[in-house]
Amino acid sequence: MTALLFTNARVFDGVSGDCAEGMNVLVADGLIREMGTLSIDAPGARRLDVGGRTLMPGLIDAHVHAFASDIVLQAADAMGEAYRTGHAVRMLGHALQCGFTSVRDVGGGNYGLYRAASDGFFPAPRFFYSGKILSMTGGHGDFRHPEQVPHYQALCNCSGIGFNCMAVLADGVDEVIKAAREELRQGAHCIKIMGSGGVTSPTDPIWMNQYTEKEVRAIVAECEARRTYVTAHCHPTSAVRRSIEFGVRCIEHGTLIDADTAALVAERGAYVVPTLITLKALLDMSRQPGFAAQTRDKVDEVWRQAVQGLDLMRTAGVKVVFGSDLLGETYTRQCEEFTLRREVFTPLEILRQATSVAADMMMLDGRLGCVAPGAYADLIVVDGDPLRDISLLAANGANLRVIMRAGELVKNEL
């Protein structure tokens, strides 16, 4: 791979708002090798004059579902793996063109998709995945409607544990340990559990806490043995609190959080990945004829408190991470998350959420989400100053002059 030298760049390193100007950054073999204001000796390197534009880490979306090909997950499950894979290819390609050089799939992503993306079968961000979500029977990962009878024999992966394209249904300490071990065996970078009810599941109310303390702690112990972590889907504050107390590292959504629980999350050094744009997308779709009434009621409930929850997290000093959680055709709205967050956060805070804080949460600090020697050469060049105007990143990549993933130029308009 030919070395590449960026010159005359204004560098946002993923953390500091004081962006150094006139910087040179040398990339070789997929890594950032050297940087500074002094001339870099790099014979044979290709040179790109950034022209004073902002060079920064590639963006990280820490909550995606690549195989969620339909807003109705039961429909996605029924369409088959080939259809879901087709959706994943277009969704991940769109994310990369928007400047997301890494995504974390927290429900459904698998080793096959990871290898296909890593081996360059199609344009895609770095792909991290949690495998199938662990859900209790009747929990947020159980797609069955009340009138459906159990059909574990038809969906059996040995020992009678049921599953679908997004989740595995496991109950009791022995089952959840086995399920966690199976996902980790298949290369999962972390494990996700359903800690509360959700919007799109048909039988569990939002306020319902899911999994017992013994079950959660058993899953946490398995992940710690693998030197990784557990993340939990939680909307109500009770689910957030108990998950953190049981050793969970990260909370997905946290929409209904209160001030005391936000303070606990901050005190424990845990992370939250809010996902406002999927709520907004569901809210917009809920007015259409045929939209499930129970889902519409749930969306209304959580949307009313979503922005207030962000404000409580900011006040408490919670480590907030960027995520979108879009399903089906709504994947094209990924970048709108930036503009929704600016109601509460400054552009610098949002940029950190989509770079260095996300990398820290994923246990990849120093390698991902930063511009520093030894880090992955995942970089974007923004035409304008995103620290002043975060909407520059909300235009589906239109304001990006360069997108680099693993040292390779995906887009170059310099």
Foldseek 3Di string as FASTA:
>chain_A
DAKEKEFQEFEDFLADPRTDTGKIWIDDQQFTADMDNDDDDDPRHHYDYLPHFYKFFFFEAAEEAQQQAFPQSVVSQVVDDVSSVVSSQVLQQLCLLLRHQEYEYEWQDFLVVQVCCVVCVGPGHNYAYQHAAEFAVLAQQHQDAPVDDDDQVVQDPPPSWHHTRTHIHADDQVRLLVVLVVSVVRPHLEYEYEQAHDQNHHGGAQHGGGDDLNNLLSSQVSQVVVVHFYEYEHAAQVSLQSNVVSGHQEYEAPQHHDLVSLLVQVVSQHEYEHALQQLVVCQVCCVDPPRDPSSNVRSVVRNVRRLVSVQSNVVSVHLYAYHHHHGHPCSSQRLVSQVVNVVRDQLSSHSSRGAQSSCVSSVNHPATRGRDRPHRPFMWTFQDDSNHPVCSSRPSNPRTQFTDHSRHTPHHND
